[in-house]
Amino acid sequence: MSAAKTPYVRFDLNDYSIPHTHVQRSLTVSADLSEVRILDGQQVLATHRRCWDKGQQVEVQAHVEELVQHKRAARAHRDTDRLVHAIPQIQTLLNEAAKRGEPLGRTASQLQELLDVHGRADDCGRCGCTESWCPTPQCRSPGT
């Protein structure tokens, strides 16, 4: 049996959850009257109580939670990558925030919102800042 793009394997008209790390693979389903086991080779990926209804999603809560965490991390990286591409100097700010233990996903998301709303200002021409009035001590002059 093959797992599609979603972290579920269809067996007997029901969908049984698997870890998101095992999508798009050939897996084996072993079932008896009370239990459904999903295996990757000899490794048991999931064990579910067999559902005799039709069209049900049978889930292991850990599978769902791991997928949610994975998607959150991916979103944080996407926001971070977009920010660094738009404003390379922001990498320093993000590194410092990480050192302080700030939640990078939320920080990147908030910064991305600011960038989306206000856009990117032109560099001052001297130090590379994006302020309308350059705050860098060696510049201390209006931006160009």
Protein backbone atom coordinates (compact mmCIF):
# COMPACT_ATOMS: atom_id res chain seq x y z
CA MET A 1 0.00 0.00 0.00
CA SER A 2 1.27 3.47 -0.76
CA ALA A 3 0.88 6.56 1.40
CA ALA A 4 -0.11 9.63 -0.61
CA LYS A 5 0.81 13.25 0.13
CA THR A 6 -1.20 13.31 3.34
CA PRO A 7 -0.08 11.49 6.48
CA TYR A 8 -2.81 8.86 6.24
CA VAL A 9 -3.07 5.37 4.83
CA ARG A 10 -6.46 4.24 3.55
CA PHE A 11 -7.49 0.79 4.67
CA ASP A 12 -10.98 -0.69 4.48
CA LEU A 13 -12.48 2.72 3.52
CA ASN A 14 -10.99 4.47 6.58
CA ASP A 15 -7.91 6.70 6.88
CA TYR A 16 -5.32 5.78 9.51
CA SER A 17 -2.65 8.30 10.52
CA ILE A 18 1.06 7.78 10.03
CA PRO A 19 4.03 10.02 10.92
CA HIS A 20 4.34 12.85 8.39
CA THR A 21 7.91 11.74 7.72
CA HIS A 22 6.62 8.63 5.94
CA VAL A 23 4.32 10.10 3.29
CA GLN A 24 4.74 9.09 -0.35
CA ARG A 25 6.25 5.71 0.53
CA SER A 26 5.20 2.14 0.04
CA LEU A 27 4.02 0.84 3.38
CA THR A 28 2.52 -2.38 4.64
CA VAL A 29 -0.80 -2.64 6.46
CA SER A 30 -1.36 -5.59 8.75
CA ALA A 31 -4.79 -5.93 10.31
CA ASP A 32 -6.76 -8.33 12.41
CA LEU A 33 -10.24 -8.01 13.92
CA SER A 34 -9.19 -5.49 16.57
CA GLU A 35 -6.07 -3.71 15.35
CA VAL A 36 -4.50 -2.08 12.29
CA ARG A 37 -0.71 -1.82 12.14
CA ILE A 38 1.16 0.20 9.55
CA LEU A 39 4.73 -0.82 8.85
CA ASP A 40 7.68 0.48 6.88
CA GLY A 41 9.60 -2.73 6.30
CA GLN A 42 9.93 -4.25 9.76
CA GLN A 43 9.42 -0.94 11.59
CA VAL A 44 5.94 -0.42 13.07
CA LEU A 45 4.96 3.19 12.33
CA ALA A 46 1.50 3.17 13.86
CA THR A 47 -0.90 0.91 15.67
CA HIS A 48 -4.59 1.81 15.66
CA ARG A 49 -7.75 0.25 17.02
CA ARG A 50 -9.56 -1.03 13.97
CA CYS A 51 -12.54 1.04 12.93
CA TRP A 52 -15.46 -0.83 11.37
CA ASP A 53 -17.27 2.34 10.29
CA LYS A 54 -16.66 3.81 6.86
CA GLY A 55 -15.07 7.16 5.94
CA GLN A 56 -13.47 7.74 9.35
CA GLN A 57 -10.11 9.30 10.19
CA VAL A 58 -8.36 7.33 12.89
CA GLU A 59 -5.47 9.30 14.37
CA VAL A 60 -2.65 8.99 16.83
CA GLN A 61 -2.50 12.40 18.52
CA ALA A 62 1.32 12.43 18.37
CA HIS A 63 1.19 12.17 14.56
CA VAL A 64 -1.02 15.26 14.37
CA GLU A 65 1.08 17.25 16.87
CA GLU A 66 4.34 16.43 15.07
CA LEU A 67 2.84 17.57 11.76
CA VAL A 68 1.63 20.84 13.31
CA GLN A 69 5.11 21.51 14.76
CA HIS A 70 6.73 20.70 11.42
CA LYS A 71 4.42 23.11 9.58
CA ARG A 72 5.04 25.87 12.12
CA ALA A 73 8.80 25.45 11.75
CA ALA A 74 8.51 25.51 7.96
CA ARG A 75 6.46 28.70 8.12
CA ALA A 76 9.04 30.35 10.37
CA HIS A 77 11.82 29.45 7.92
CA ARG A 78 9.78 30.74 4.98
CA ASP A 79 9.19 34.09 6.73
CA THR A 80 12.85 34.30 7.75
CA ASP A 81 14.06 33.53 4.23
CA ARG A 82 11.75 36.17 2.74
CA LEU A 83 12.94 38.76 5.25
CA VAL A 84 16.64 38.08 4.70
CA HIS A 85 16.15 38.21 0.94
CA ALA A 86 14.40 41.58 1.21
CA ILE A 87 16.69 43.02 3.91
CA PRO A 88 19.98 41.11 4.31
CA GLN A 89 20.92 43.08 7.45
CA ILE A 90 17.95 41.56 9.28
CA GLN A 91 19.90 38.30 9.72
CA THR A 92 21.90 39.99 12.51
CA LEU A 93 18.70 40.98 14.32
CA LEU A 94 17.29 37.45 13.99
CA ASN A 95 20.54 35.91 15.26
CA GLU A 96 20.48 38.17 18.32
CA ALA A 97 16.81 37.36 18.95
CA ALA A 98 17.63 33.64 18.80
CA LYS A 99 20.48 34.10 21.30
CA ARG A 100 18.03 35.74 23.71
CA GLY A 101 15.58 32.88 23.29
CA GLU A 102 12.97 34.91 21.44
CA PRO A 103 10.46 32.85 19.42
CA LEU A 104 11.83 33.29 15.90
CA GLY A 105 8.63 32.22 14.19
CA ARG A 106 6.60 34.97 15.84
CA THR A 107 9.40 37.52 15.45
CA ALA A 108 9.83 36.77 11.74
CA SER A 109 6.08 36.81 11.19
CA GLN A 110 5.71 40.21 12.86
CA LEU A 111 8.64 41.64 10.93
CA GLN A 112 7.20 40.28 7.69
CA GLU A 113 3.88 41.98 8.48
CA LEU A 114 5.72 45.29 8.97
CA LEU A 115 7.56 44.80 5.68
CA ASP A 116 4.29 43.97 3.90
CA VAL A 117 2.53 47.06 5.30
CA HIS A 118 5.33 49.62 5.06
CA GLY A 119 7.58 48.25 2.32
CA ARG A 120 11.33 48.47 2.23
CA ALA A 121 12.94 51.90 2.51
CA ASP A 122 16.01 52.79 0.45
CA ASP A 123 19.41 52.48 2.11
CA CYS A 124 20.86 55.70 3.52
CA GLY A 125 23.85 55.25 1.21
CA ARG A 126 26.47 55.34 3.92
CA CYS A 127 25.96 52.46 6.35
CA GLY A 128 23.20 50.48 4.64
CA CYS A 129 20.47 51.27 7.18
CA THR A 130 16.90 51.76 6.02
CA GLU A 131 15.95 54.68 8.24
CA SER A 132 14.65 57.96 6.81
CA TRP A 133 17.12 59.62 9.20
CA CYS A 134 20.24 57.50 9.70
CA PRO A 135 20.77 56.61 13.40
CA THR A 136 24.36 55.37 12.91
CA PRO A 137 26.80 57.60 14.85
CA GLN A 138 29.26 57.91 11.93
CA CYS A 139 26.48 59.08 9.59
CA ARG A 140 24.12 61.18 11.77
CA SER A 141 22.75 62.77 8.67
CA PRO A 142 19.51 62.56 6.75
CA GLY A 143 19.27 59.63 4.38
CA THR A 144 19.75 60.16 0.70
